[in-house]
Amino acid sequence: MSISMNTDIKTIYLILTIFCKDKHNSKRKLCGSCLSLYQYSKNRMKKCKFKIHGFVCSECEVHCFEKEKRVLTKEIMRYSYSKMIFKHPFISIRYLINKLKSKIIKKNYLAKNKKTS
């Protein structure tokens, strides 16, 4: 597993931890449903063939999450990300940089594949 993949998995865990603590009043790190979503996310990310191209999930054309889990994850990220900036500023900044890089990579990747087809 790549360093980037480990970082993405850690970021998902931190985002879920913030959400779970605030919304589910979890005293532990993650409640059962948040832990289940974390395991699901981690498994999907490990199987993603587009991660090697440097895409972040929000920039990907192929959504490998089931629709309801994708919607739930978006809601959780919207809620938690503003808090991540204060609780984990370096991770938040790194995510924003990776998202910008992903837009460039996606543009180049799509242009390259368009030429070959």
PDB file of N, CA and C in Angstrom:
ATOM      1  N   MET A   1       0.848  -1.177   0.000  1.00  0.00           N
ATOM      2  CA  MET A   1       0.000   0.000   0.000  1.00  0.00           C
ATOM      3  C   MET A   1       0.898   1.247   0.000  1.00  0.00           C
ATOM      4  N   SER A   2       0.537   2.230  -0.811  1.00  0.00           N
ATOM      5  CA  SER A   2       1.364   3.417  -0.950  1.00  0.00           C
ATOM      6  C   SER A   2       1.190   4.366   0.240  1.00  0.00           C
ATOM      7  N   ILE A   3       2.147   5.286   0.369  1.00  0.00           N
ATOM      8  CA  ILE A   3       2.079   6.295   1.426  1.00  0.00           C
ATOM      9  C   ILE A   3       0.824   7.143   1.243  1.00  0.00           C
ATOM     10  N   SER A   4       0.531   7.507  -0.011  1.00  0.00           N
ATOM     11  CA  SER A   4      -0.660   8.301  -0.312  1.00  0.00           C
ATOM     12  C   SER A   4      -1.927   7.566   0.109  1.00  0.00           C
ATOM     13  N   MET A   5      -1.981   6.281  -0.160  1.00  0.00           N
ATOM     14  CA  MET A   5      -3.154   5.487   0.210  1.00  0.00           C
ATOM     15  C   MET A   5      -3.304   5.455   1.727  1.00  0.00           C
ATOM     16  N   ASN A   6      -2.199   5.257   2.455  1.00  0.00           N
ATOM     17  CA  ASN A   6      -2.246   5.265   3.918  1.00  0.00           C
ATOM     18  C   ASN A   6      -2.735   6.612   4.441  1.00  0.00           C
ATOM     19  N   THR A   7      -2.287   7.683   3.815  1.00  0.00           N
ATOM     20  CA  THR A   7      -2.702   9.029   4.211  1.00  0.00           C
ATOM     21  C   THR A   7      -4.190   9.226   3.971  1.00  0.00           C
ATOM     22  N   ASP A   8      -4.689   8.779   2.832  1.00  0.00           N
ATOM     23  CA  ASP A   8      -6.117   8.899   2.529  1.00  0.00           C
ATOM     24  C   ASP A   8      -6.958   8.093   3.517  1.00  0.00           C
ATOM     25  N   ILE A   9      -6.499   6.917   3.859  1.00  0.00           N
ATOM     26  CA  ILE A   9      -7.222   6.070   4.810  1.00  0.00           C
ATOM     27  C   ILE A   9      -7.218   6.721   6.197  1.00  0.00           C
ATOM     28  N   LYS A  10      -6.089   7.283   6.589  1.00  0.00           N
ATOM     29  CA  LYS A  10      -6.004   7.983   7.880  1.00  0.00           C
ATOM     30  C   LYS A  10      -6.936   9.195   7.891  1.00  0.00           C
ATOM     31  N   THR A  11      -6.997   9.910   6.781  1.00  0.00           N
ATOM     32  CA  THR A  11      -7.863  11.092   6.686  1.00  0.00           C
ATOM     33  C   THR A  11      -9.330  10.707   6.843  1.00  0.00           C
ATOM     34  N   ILE A  12      -9.741   9.645   6.175  1.00  0.00           N
ATOM     35  CA  ILE A  12     -11.127   9.164   6.308  1.00  0.00           C
ATOM     36  C   ILE A  12     -11.416   8.820   7.764  1.00  0.00           C
ATOM     37  N   TYR A  13     -10.476   8.170   8.419  1.00  0.00           N
ATOM     38  CA  TYR A  13     -10.660   7.799   9.823  1.00  0.00           C
ATOM     39  C   TYR A  13     -10.840   9.045  10.690  1.00  0.00           C
ATOM     40  N   LEU A  14     -10.006  10.058  10.482  1.00  0.00           N
ATOM     41  CA  LEU A  14     -10.105  11.286  11.272  1.00  0.00           C
ATOM     42  C   LEU A  14     -11.424  12.016  11.027  1.00  0.00           C
ATOM     43  N   ILE A  15     -11.849  12.065   9.775  1.00  0.00           N
ATOM     44  CA  ILE A  15     -13.117  12.710   9.433  1.00  0.00           C
ATOM     45  C   ILE A  15     -14.280  11.984  10.108  1.00  0.00           C
ATOM     46  N   LEU A  16     -14.262  10.662  10.052  1.00  0.00           N
ATOM     47  CA  LEU A  16     -15.318   9.883  10.694  1.00  0.00           C
ATOM     48  C   LEU A  16     -15.288  10.038  12.214  1.00  0.00           C
ATOM     49  N   THR A  17     -14.100  10.145  12.793  1.00  0.00           N
ATOM     50  CA  THR A  17     -13.969  10.320  14.240  1.00  0.00           C
ATOM     51  C   THR A  17     -14.616  11.631  14.694  1.00  0.00           C
ATOM     52  N   ILE A  18     -14.364  12.704  13.959  1.00  0.00           N
ATOM     53  CA  ILE A  18     -14.969  14.001  14.285  1.00  0.00           C
ATOM     54  C   ILE A  18     -16.491  13.905  14.207  1.00  0.00           C
ATOM     55  N   PHE A  19     -16.980  13.346  13.119  1.00  0.00           N
ATOM     56  CA  PHE A  19     -18.419  13.215  12.911  1.00  0.00           C
ATOM     57  C   PHE A  19     -19.057  12.360  14.010  1.00  0.00           C
ATOM     58  N   CYS A  20     -18.467  11.224  14.279  1.00  0.00           N
ATOM     59  CA  CYS A  20     -19.024  10.270  15.237  1.00  0.00           C
ATOM     60  C   CYS A  20     -19.063  10.873  16.643  1.00  0.00           C
ATOM     61  N   LYS A  21     -18.007  11.559  17.020  1.00  0.00           N
ATOM     62  CA  LYS A  21     -17.962  12.180  18.347  1.00  0.00           C
ATOM     63  C   LYS A  21     -19.063  13.233  18.485  1.00  0.00           C
ATOM     64  N   ASP A  22     -19.243  14.062  17.463  1.00  0.00           N
ATOM     65  CA  ASP A  22     -20.227  15.146  17.523  1.00  0.00           C
ATOM     66  C   ASP A  22     -21.663  14.671  17.336  1.00  0.00           C
ATOM     67  N   LYS A  23     -21.892  13.779  16.387  1.00  0.00           N
ATOM     68  CA  LYS A  23     -23.257  13.382  16.030  1.00  0.00           C
ATOM     69  C   LYS A  23     -23.769  12.146  16.766  1.00  0.00           C
ATOM     70  N   HIS A  24     -22.870  11.266  17.113  1.00  0.00           N
ATOM     71  CA  HIS A  24     -23.279  10.019  17.769  1.00  0.00           C
ATOM     72  C   HIS A  24     -22.868   9.989  19.239  1.00  0.00           C
ATOM     73  N   ASN A  25     -22.310  11.092  19.713  1.00  0.00           N
ATOM     74  CA  ASN A  25     -21.852  11.206  21.108  1.00  0.00           C
ATOM     75  C   ASN A  25     -20.962  10.044  21.516  1.00  0.00           C
ATOM     76  N   SER A  26     -20.125   9.624  20.583  1.00  0.00           N
ATOM     77  CA  SER A  26     -19.261   8.474  20.827  1.00  0.00           C
ATOM     78  C   SER A  26     -18.133   8.846  21.780  1.00  0.00           C
ATOM     79  N   LYS A  27     -17.996   8.083  22.814  1.00  0.00           N
ATOM     80  CA  LYS A  27     -16.885   8.279  23.753  1.00  0.00           C
ATOM     81  C   LYS A  27     -15.643   7.554  23.241  1.00  0.00           C
ATOM     82  N   ARG A  28     -15.899   6.476  22.508  1.00  0.00           N
ATOM     83  CA  ARG A  28     -14.802   5.745  21.887  1.00  0.00           C
ATOM     84  C   ARG A  28     -14.445   6.459  20.593  1.00  0.00           C
ATOM     85  N   LYS A  29     -13.528   5.889  19.859  1.00  0.00           N
ATOM     86  CA  LYS A  29     -13.132   6.500  18.590  1.00  0.00           C
ATOM     87  C   LYS A  29     -14.271   6.486  17.575  1.00  0.00           C
ATOM     88  N   LEU A  30     -14.841   5.320  17.294  1.00  0.00           N
ATOM     89  CA  LEU A  30     -15.936   5.207  16.321  1.00  0.00           C
ATOM     90  C   LEU A  30     -17.019   4.278  16.856  1.00  0.00           C
ATOM     91  N   CYS A  31     -18.271   4.662  16.635  1.00  0.00           N
ATOM     92  CA  CYS A  31     -19.380   3.767  16.980  1.00  0.00           C
ATOM     93  C   CYS A  31     -19.439   2.652  15.926  1.00  0.00           C
ATOM     94  N   GLY A  32     -20.342   1.729  16.095  1.00  0.00           N
ATOM     95  CA  GLY A  32     -20.446   0.588  15.182  1.00  0.00           C
ATOM     96  C   GLY A  32     -20.725   0.978  13.742  1.00  0.00           C
ATOM     97  N   SER A  33     -21.676   1.900  13.525  1.00  0.00           N
ATOM     98  CA  SER A  33     -22.024   2.266  12.144  1.00  0.00           C
ATOM     99  C   SER A  33     -20.892   3.058  11.479  1.00  0.00           C
ATOM    100  N   CYS A  34     -20.217   3.915  12.238  1.00  0.00           N
ATOM    101  CA  CYS A  34     -19.093   4.677  11.667  1.00  0.00           C
ATOM    102  C   CYS A  34     -17.897   3.758  11.405  1.00  0.00           C
ATOM    103  N   LEU A  35     -17.679   2.802  12.292  1.00  0.00           N
ATOM    104  CA  LEU A  35     -16.607   1.832  12.079  1.00  0.00           C
ATOM    105  C   LEU A  35     -16.878   1.003  10.829  1.00  0.00           C
ATOM    106  N   SER A  36     -18.134   0.630  10.641  1.00  0.00           N
ATOM    107  CA  SER A  36     -18.525  -0.129   9.457  1.00  0.00           C
ATOM    108  C   SER A  36     -18.268   0.686   8.180  1.00  0.00           C
ATOM    109  N   LEU A  37     -18.633   1.974   8.191  1.00  0.00           N
ATOM    110  CA  LEU A  37     -18.395   2.836   7.036  1.00  0.00           C
ATOM    111  C   LEU A  37     -16.894   3.016   6.797  1.00  0.00           C
ATOM    112  N   TYR A  38     -16.119   3.114   7.869  1.00  0.00           N
ATOM    113  CA  TYR A  38     -14.661   3.229   7.735  1.00  0.00           C
ATOM    114  C   TYR A  38     -14.083   1.974   7.071  1.00  0.00           C
ATOM    115  N   GLN A  39     -14.486   0.806   7.536  1.00  0.00           N
ATOM    116  CA  GLN A  39     -13.987  -0.450   6.956  1.00  0.00           C
ATOM    117  C   GLN A  39     -14.378  -0.550   5.482  1.00  0.00           C
ATOM    118  N   TYR A  40     -15.605  -0.177   5.168  1.00  0.00           N
ATOM    119  CA  TYR A  40     -16.087  -0.187   3.789  1.00  0.00           C
ATOM    120  C   TYR A  40     -15.233   0.752   2.927  1.00  0.00           C
ATOM    121  N   SER A  41     -15.021   1.965   3.423  1.00  0.00           N
ATOM    122  CA  SER A  41     -14.227   2.966   2.691  1.00  0.00           C
ATOM    123  C   SER A  41     -12.799   2.480   2.472  1.00  0.00           C
ATOM    124  N   LYS A  42     -12.213   1.950   3.521  1.00  0.00           N
ATOM    125  CA  LYS A  42     -10.842   1.455   3.443  1.00  0.00           C
ATOM    126  C   LYS A  42     -10.722   0.338   2.410  1.00  0.00           C
ATOM    127  N   ASN A  43     -11.661  -0.586   2.417  1.00  0.00           N
ATOM    128  CA  ASN A  43     -11.626  -1.691   1.451  1.00  0.00           C
ATOM    129  C   ASN A  43     -11.787  -1.188   0.020  1.00  0.00           C
ATOM    130  N   ARG A  44     -12.692  -0.239  -0.177  1.00  0.00           N
ATOM    131  CA  ARG A  44     -12.898   0.322  -1.518  1.00  0.00           C
ATOM    132  C   ARG A  44     -11.656   1.064  -1.994  1.00  0.00           C
ATOM    133  N   MET A  45     -11.052   1.827  -1.116  1.00  0.00           N
ATOM    134  CA  MET A  45      -9.859   2.591  -1.497  1.00  0.00           C
ATOM    135  C   MET A  45      -8.695   1.665  -1.852  1.00  0.00           C
ATOM    136  N   LYS A  46      -8.563   0.575  -1.132  1.00  0.00           N
ATOM    137  CA  LYS A  46      -7.488  -0.371  -1.417  1.00  0.00           C
ATOM    138  C   LYS A  46      -7.654  -1.028  -2.784  1.00  0.00           C
ATOM    139  N   LYS A  47      -8.897  -1.186  -3.239  1.00  0.00           N
ATOM    140  CA  LYS A  47      -9.170  -1.831  -4.525  1.00  0.00           C
ATOM    141  C   LYS A  47      -9.209  -0.859  -5.695  1.00  0.00           C
ATOM    142  N   CYS A  48      -9.108   0.434  -5.423  1.00  0.00           N
ATOM    143  CA  CYS A  48      -9.289   1.451  -6.461  1.00  0.00           C
ATOM    144  C   CYS A  48      -8.131   1.439  -7.460  1.00  0.00           C
ATOM    145  N   LYS A  49      -8.471   1.278  -8.729  1.00  0.00           N
ATOM    146  CA  LYS A  49      -7.441   1.277  -9.771  1.00  0.00           C
ATOM    147  C   LYS A  49      -7.045   2.686 -10.197  1.00  0.00           C
ATOM    148  N   PHE A  50      -7.822   3.687  -9.819  1.00  0.00           N
ATOM    149  CA  PHE A  50      -7.514   5.061 -10.205  1.00  0.00           C
ATOM    150  C   PHE A  50      -6.613   5.772  -9.203  1.00  0.00           C
ATOM    151  N   LYS A  51      -6.464   5.236  -8.011  1.00  0.00           N
ATOM    152  CA  LYS A  51      -5.577   5.837  -7.011  1.00  0.00           C
ATOM    153  C   LYS A  51      -4.140   5.912  -7.534  1.00  0.00           C
ATOM    154  N   ILE A  52      -3.748   4.944  -8.347  1.00  0.00           N
ATOM    155  CA  ILE A  52      -2.378   4.949  -8.870  1.00  0.00           C
ATOM    156  C   ILE A  52      -2.146   6.127  -9.804  1.00  0.00           C
ATOM    157  N   HIS A  53      -3.230   6.688 -10.354  1.00  0.00           N
ATOM    158  CA  HIS A  53      -3.102   7.870 -11.211  1.00  0.00           C
ATOM    159  C   HIS A  53      -3.110   9.157 -10.401  1.00  0.00           C
ATOM    160  N   GLY A  54      -3.382   9.058  -9.103  1.00  0.00           N
ATOM    161  CA  GLY A  54      -3.353  10.221  -8.234  1.00  0.00           C
ATOM    162  C   GLY A  54      -4.687  10.907  -8.023  1.00  0.00           C
ATOM    163  N   PHE A  55      -5.774  10.264  -8.419  1.00  0.00           N
ATOM    164  CA  PHE A  55      -7.088  10.881  -8.243  1.00  0.00           C
ATOM    165  C   PHE A  55      -7.506  10.866  -6.773  1.00  0.00           C
ATOM    166  N   VAL A  56      -8.189  11.927  -6.342  1.00  0.00           N
ATOM    167  CA  VAL A  56      -8.932  11.862  -5.089  1.00  0.00           C
ATOM    168  C   VAL A  56     -10.343  11.425  -5.483  1.00  0.00           C
ATOM    169  N   CYS A  57     -11.044  10.808  -4.576  1.00  0.00           N
ATOM    170  CA  CYS A  57     -12.349  10.217  -4.897  1.00  0.00           C
ATOM    171  C   CYS A  57     -13.327  11.232  -5.487  1.00  0.00           C
ATOM    172  N   SER A  58     -13.323  12.450  -4.964  1.00  0.00           N
ATOM    173  CA  SER A  58     -14.294  13.444  -5.440  1.00  0.00           C
ATOM    174  C   SER A  58     -14.055  13.850  -6.892  1.00  0.00           C
ATOM    175  N   GLU A  59     -12.856  13.595  -7.424  1.00  0.00           N
ATOM    176  CA  GLU A  59     -12.536  13.945  -8.808  1.00  0.00           C
ATOM    177  C   GLU A  59     -12.651  12.760  -9.764  1.00  0.00           C
ATOM    178  N   CYS A  60     -12.978  11.620  -9.227  1.00  0.00           N
ATOM    179  CA  CYS A  60     -13.019  10.401 -10.038  1.00  0.00           C
ATOM    180  C   CYS A  60     -14.320  10.304 -10.820  1.00  0.00           C
ATOM    181  N   GLU A  61     -14.225   9.810 -12.053  1.00  0.00           N
ATOM    182  CA  GLU A  61     -15.398   9.598 -12.896  1.00  0.00           C
ATOM    183  C   GLU A  61     -16.169   8.343 -12.483  1.00  0.00           C
ATOM    184  N   VAL A  62     -15.456   7.386 -11.930  1.00  0.00           N
ATOM    185  CA  VAL A  62     -16.058   6.116 -11.519  1.00  0.00           C
ATOM    186  C   VAL A  62     -16.235   6.151 -10.006  1.00  0.00           C
ATOM    187  N   HIS A  63     -17.472   6.033  -9.561  1.00  0.00           N
ATOM    188  CA  HIS A  63     -17.717   6.030  -8.115  1.00  0.00           C
ATOM    189  C   HIS A  63     -17.919   4.597  -7.666  1.00  0.00           C
ATOM    190  N   CYS A  64     -16.963   4.106  -6.895  1.00  0.00           N
ATOM    191  CA  CYS A  64     -17.000   2.703  -6.497  1.00  0.00           C
ATOM    192  C   CYS A  64     -17.819   2.473  -5.227  1.00  0.00           C
ATOM    193  N   PHE A  65     -18.225   3.541  -4.547  1.00  0.00           N
ATOM    194  CA  PHE A  65     -19.068   3.392  -3.367  1.00  0.00           C
ATOM    195  C   PHE A  65     -20.514   3.166  -3.817  1.00  0.00           C
ATOM    196  N   GLU A  66     -21.235   2.350  -3.065  1.00  0.00           N
ATOM    197  CA  GLU A  66     -22.670   2.225  -3.290  1.00  0.00           C
ATOM    198  C   GLU A  66     -23.289   3.607  -3.097  1.00  0.00           C
ATOM    199  N   LYS A  67     -24.363   3.885  -3.812  1.00  0.00           N
ATOM    200  CA  LYS A  67     -24.930   5.238  -3.824  1.00  0.00           C
ATOM    201  C   LYS A  67     -25.211   5.779  -2.425  1.00  0.00           C
ATOM    202  N   GLU A  68     -25.876   4.994  -1.575  1.00  0.00           N
ATOM    203  CA  GLU A  68     -26.220   5.505  -0.243  1.00  0.00           C
ATOM    204  C   GLU A  68     -24.981   5.764   0.618  1.00  0.00           C
ATOM    205  N   LYS A  69     -23.961   4.946   0.444  1.00  0.00           N
ATOM    206  CA  LYS A  69     -22.723   5.163   1.207  1.00  0.00           C
ATOM    207  C   LYS A  69     -21.952   6.362   0.660  1.00  0.00           C
ATOM    208  N   ARG A  70     -22.030   6.583  -0.645  1.00  0.00           N
ATOM    209  CA  ARG A  70     -21.389   7.752  -1.248  1.00  0.00           C
ATOM    210  C   ARG A  70     -22.056   9.037  -0.747  1.00  0.00           C
ATOM    211  N   VAL A  71     -23.383   9.046  -0.703  1.00  0.00           N
ATOM    212  CA  VAL A  71     -24.129  10.210  -0.215  1.00  0.00           C
ATOM    213  C   VAL A  71     -23.812  10.456   1.260  1.00  0.00           C
ATOM    214  N   LEU A  72     -23.816   9.406   2.057  1.00  0.00           N
ATOM    215  CA  LEU A  72     -23.506   9.527   3.477  1.00  0.00           C
ATOM    216  C   LEU A  72     -22.080  10.045   3.686  1.00  0.00           C
ATOM    217  N   THR A  73     -21.139   9.510   2.932  1.00  0.00           N
ATOM    218  CA  THR A  73     -19.748   9.943   3.052  1.00  0.00           C
ATOM    219  C   THR A  73     -19.602  11.418   2.695  1.00  0.00           C
ATOM    220  N   LYS A  74     -20.296  11.867   1.659  1.00  0.00           N
ATOM    221  CA  LYS A  74     -20.263  13.290   1.291  1.00  0.00           C
ATOM    222  C   LYS A  74     -20.788  14.162   2.427  1.00  0.00           C
ATOM    223  N   GLU A  75     -21.894  13.750   3.030  1.00  0.00           N
ATOM    224  CA  GLU A  75     -22.465  14.508   4.143  1.00  0.00           C
ATOM    225  C   GLU A  75     -21.496  14.576   5.319  1.00  0.00           C
ATOM    226  N   ILE A  76     -20.884  13.458   5.626  1.00  0.00           N
ATOM    227  CA  ILE A  76     -19.929  13.402   6.730  1.00  0.00           C
ATOM    228  C   ILE A  76     -18.721  14.294   6.431  1.00  0.00           C
ATOM    229  N   MET A  77     -18.245  14.247   5.210  1.00  0.00           N
ATOM    230  CA  MET A  77     -17.083  15.068   4.844  1.00  0.00           C
ATOM    231  C   MET A  77     -17.429  16.558   4.902  1.00  0.00           C
ATOM    232  N   ARG A  78     -18.606  16.920   4.426  1.00  0.00           N
ATOM    233  CA  ARG A  78     -19.023  18.330   4.506  1.00  0.00           C
ATOM    234  C   ARG A  78     -19.066  18.808   5.953  1.00  0.00           C
ATOM    235  N   TYR A  79     -19.595  17.971   6.805  1.00  0.00           N
ATOM    236  CA  TYR A  79     -19.698  18.336   8.222  1.00  0.00           C
ATOM    237  C   TYR A  79     -18.315  18.424   8.874  1.00  0.00           C
ATOM    238  N   SER A  80     -17.497  17.423   8.660  1.00  0.00           N
ATOM    239  CA  SER A  80     -16.243  17.293   9.396  1.00  0.00           C
ATOM    240  C   SER A  80     -15.110  18.141   8.851  1.00  0.00           C
ATOM    241  N   TYR A  81     -15.148  18.438   7.552  1.00  0.00           N
ATOM    242  CA  TYR A  81     -13.971  19.091   6.977  1.00  0.00           C
ATOM    243  C   TYR A  81     -13.694  20.455   7.585  1.00  0.00           C
ATOM    244  N   SER A  82     -14.726  21.243   7.873  1.00  0.00           N
ATOM    245  CA  SER A  82     -14.478  22.562   8.471  1.00  0.00           C
ATOM    246  C   SER A  82     -13.825  22.421   9.847  1.00  0.00           C
ATOM    247  N   LYS A  83     -14.115  21.352  10.533  1.00  0.00           N
ATOM    248  CA  LYS A  83     -13.496  21.102  11.839  1.00  0.00           C
ATOM    249  C   LYS A  83     -12.092  20.514  11.683  1.00  0.00           C
ATOM    250  N   MET A  84     -11.878  19.791  10.592  1.00  0.00           N
ATOM    251  CA  MET A  84     -10.549  19.213  10.326  1.00  0.00           C
ATOM    252  C   MET A  84      -9.491  20.309  10.194  1.00  0.00           C
ATOM    253  N   ILE A  85      -9.878  21.439   9.617  1.00  0.00           N
ATOM    254  CA  ILE A  85      -8.932  22.532   9.404  1.00  0.00           C
ATOM    255  C   ILE A  85      -8.308  22.971  10.724  1.00  0.00           C
ATOM    256  N   PHE A  86      -9.088  22.952  11.795  1.00  0.00           N
ATOM    257  CA  PHE A  86      -8.581  23.375  13.103  1.00  0.00           C
ATOM    258  C   PHE A  86      -7.964  22.230  13.892  1.00  0.00           C
ATOM    259  N   LYS A  87      -8.515  21.037  13.756  1.00  0.00           N
ATOM    260  CA  LYS A  87      -8.012  19.898  14.523  1.00  0.00           C
ATOM    261  C   LYS A  87      -6.791  19.244  13.878  1.00  0.00           C
ATOM    262  N   HIS A  88      -6.764  19.226  12.549  1.00  0.00           N
ATOM    263  CA  HIS A  88      -5.673  18.580  11.810  1.00  0.00           C
ATOM    264  C   HIS A  88      -5.306  19.455  10.601  1.00  0.00           C
ATOM    265  N   PRO A  89      -4.719  20.624  10.848  1.00  0.00           N
ATOM    266  CA  PRO A  89      -4.489  21.577   9.743  1.00  0.00           C
ATOM    267  C   PRO A  89      -3.575  21.048   8.638  1.00  0.00           C
ATOM    268  N   PHE A  90      -2.536  20.321   8.976  1.00  0.00           N
ATOM    269  CA  PHE A  90      -1.612  19.838   7.951  1.00  0.00           C
ATOM    270  C   PHE A  90      -2.276  18.801   7.039  1.00  0.00           C
ATOM    271  N   ILE A  91      -3.069  17.950   7.627  1.00  0.00           N
ATOM    272  CA  ILE A  91      -3.787  16.954   6.831  1.00  0.00           C
ATOM    273  C   ILE A  91      -4.798  17.648   5.918  1.00  0.00           C
ATOM    274  N   SER A  92      -5.458  18.675   6.446  1.00  0.00           N
ATOM    275  CA  SER A  92      -6.440  19.424   5.648  1.00  0.00           C
ATOM    276  C   SER A  92      -5.785  20.127   4.467  1.00  0.00           C
ATOM    277  N   ILE A  93      -4.666  20.750   4.720  1.00  0.00           N
ATOM    278  CA  ILE A  93      -3.942  21.447   3.648  1.00  0.00           C
ATOM    279  C   ILE A  93      -3.438  20.447   2.621  1.00  0.00           C
ATOM    280  N   ARG A  94      -2.909  19.330   3.091  1.00  0.00           N
ATOM    281  CA  ARG A  94      -2.423  18.298   2.173  1.00  0.00           C
ATOM    282  C   ARG A  94      -3.564  17.775   1.295  1.00  0.00           C
ATOM    283  N   TYR A  95      -4.749  17.606   1.880  1.00  0.00           N
ATOM    284  CA  TYR A  95      -5.901  17.159   1.100  1.00  0.00           C
ATOM    285  C   TYR A  95      -6.250  18.179   0.013  1.00  0.00           C
ATOM    286  N   LEU A  96      -6.262  19.454   0.360  1.00  0.00           N
ATOM    287  CA  LEU A  96      -6.573  20.490  -0.632  1.00  0.00           C
ATOM    288  C   LEU A  96      -5.550  20.504  -1.764  1.00  0.00           C
ATOM    289  N   ILE A  97      -4.286  20.353  -1.419  1.00  0.00           N
ATOM    290  CA  ILE A  97      -3.228  20.290  -2.443  1.00  0.00           C
ATOM    291  C   ILE A  97      -3.433  19.071  -3.331  1.00  0.00           C
ATOM    292  N   ASN A  98      -3.716  17.927  -2.713  1.00  0.00           N
ATOM    293  CA  ASN A  98      -3.947  16.704  -3.494  1.00  0.00           C
ATOM    294  C   ASN A  98      -5.173  16.837  -4.385  1.00  0.00           C
ATOM    295  N   LYS A  99      -6.192  17.538  -3.917  1.00  0.00           N
ATOM    296  CA  LYS A  99      -7.382  17.739  -4.729  1.00  0.00           C
ATOM    297  C   LYS A  99      -7.056  18.606  -5.947  1.00  0.00           C
ATOM    298  N   LEU A 100      -6.266  19.654  -5.751  1.00  0.00           N
ATOM    299  CA  LEU A 100      -5.849  20.489  -6.882  1.00  0.00           C
ATOM    300  C   LEU A 100      -4.988  19.700  -7.863  1.00  0.00           C
ATOM    301  N   LYS A 101      -4.053  18.923  -7.336  1.00  0.00           N
ATOM    302  CA  LYS A 101      -3.224  18.073  -8.194  1.00  0.00           C
ATOM    303  C   LYS A 101      -4.083  17.079  -8.961  1.00  0.00           C
ATOM    304  N   SER A 102      -5.086  16.542  -8.286  1.00  0.00           N
ATOM    305  CA  SER A 102      -5.963  15.560  -8.897  1.00  0.00           C
ATOM    306  C   SER A 102      -6.710  16.141 -10.090  1.00  0.00           C
ATOM    307  N   LYS A 103      -7.123  17.397  -9.983  1.00  0.00           N
ATOM    308  CA  LYS A 103      -7.802  18.051 -11.109  1.00  0.00           C
ATOM    309  C   LYS A 103      -6.885  18.126 -12.322  1.00  0.00           C
ATOM    310  N   ILE A 104      -5.618  18.446 -12.099  1.00  0.00           N
ATOM    311  CA  ILE A 104      -4.634  18.529 -13.185  1.00  0.00           C
ATOM    312  C   ILE A 104      -4.365  17.144 -13.757  1.00  0.00           C
ATOM    313  N   ILE A 105      -4.163  16.177 -12.884  1.00  0.00           N
ATOM    314  CA  ILE A 105      -3.902  14.800 -13.317  1.00  0.00           C
ATOM    315  C   ILE A 105      -5.085  14.266 -14.119  1.00  0.00           C
ATOM    316  N   LYS A 106      -6.287  14.534 -13.633  1.00  0.00           N
ATOM    317  CA  LYS A 106      -7.494  14.068 -14.318  1.00  0.00           C
ATOM    318  C   LYS A 106      -7.583  14.676 -15.709  1.00  0.00           C
ATOM    319  N   LYS A 107      -7.335  15.957 -15.814  1.00  0.00           N
ATOM    320  CA  LYS A 107      -7.380  16.643 -17.107  1.00  0.00           C
ATOM    321  C   LYS A 107      -6.372  16.021 -18.080  1.00  0.00           C
ATOM    322  N   ASN A 108      -5.147  15.799 -17.623  1.00  0.00           N
ATOM    323  CA  ASN A 108      -4.108  15.195 -18.460  1.00  0.00           C
ATOM    324  C   ASN A 108      -4.440  13.739 -18.793  1.00  0.00           C
ATOM    325  N   TYR A 109      -4.953  13.001 -17.826  1.00  0.00           N
ATOM    326  CA  TYR A 109      -5.308  11.596 -18.016  1.00  0.00           C
ATOM    327  C   TYR A 109      -6.413  11.457 -19.061  1.00  0.00           C
ATOM    328  N   LEU A 110      -7.442  12.296 -18.932  1.00  0.00           N
ATOM    329  CA  LEU A 110      -8.549  12.240 -19.886  1.00  0.00           C
ATOM    330  C   LEU A 110      -8.108  12.665 -21.284  1.00  0.00           C
ATOM    331  N   ALA A 111      -7.252  13.689 -21.362  1.00  0.00           N
ATOM    332  CA  ALA A 111      -6.750  14.147 -22.660  1.00  0.00           C
ATOM    333  C   ALA A 111      -5.915  13.049 -23.318  1.00  0.00           C
ATOM    334  N   LYS A 112      -5.085  12.392 -22.550  1.00  0.00           N
ATOM    335  CA  LYS A 112      -4.229  11.303 -23.069  1.00  0.00           C
ATOM    336  C   LYS A 112      -5.095  10.158 -23.582  1.00  0.00           C
ATOM    337  N   ASN A 113      -6.100   9.774 -22.824  1.00  0.00           N
ATOM    338  CA  ASN A 113      -6.961   8.656 -23.217  1.00  0.00           C
ATOM    339  C   ASN A 113      -7.869   9.029 -24.388  1.00  0.00           C
ATOM    340  N   LYS A 114      -8.198  10.283 -24.519  1.00  0.00           N
ATOM    341  CA  LYS A 114      -9.024  10.737 -25.641  1.00  0.00           C
ATOM    342  C   LYS A 114      -8.242  10.617 -26.947  1.00  0.00           C
ATOM    343  N   LYS A 115      -6.934  10.926 -26.901  1.00  0.00           N
ATOM    344  CA  LYS A 115      -6.077  10.841 -28.079  1.00  0.00           C
ATOM    345  C   LYS A 115      -5.909   9.399 -28.551  1.00  0.00           C
ATOM    346  N   THR A 116      -5.850   8.460 -27.589  1.00  0.00           N
ATOM    347  CA  THR A 116      -5.599   7.056 -27.941  1.00  0.00           C
ATOM    348  C   THR A 116      -6.855   6.338 -28.409  1.00  0.00           C
ATOM    349  N   SER A 117      -8.029   6.934 -28.179  1.00  0.00           N
ATOM    350  CA  SER A 117      -9.252   6.237 -28.615  1.00  0.00           C
ATOM    351  C   SER A 117      -9.742   6.713 -29.954  1.00  0.00           C
TER     352      SER A 117
END
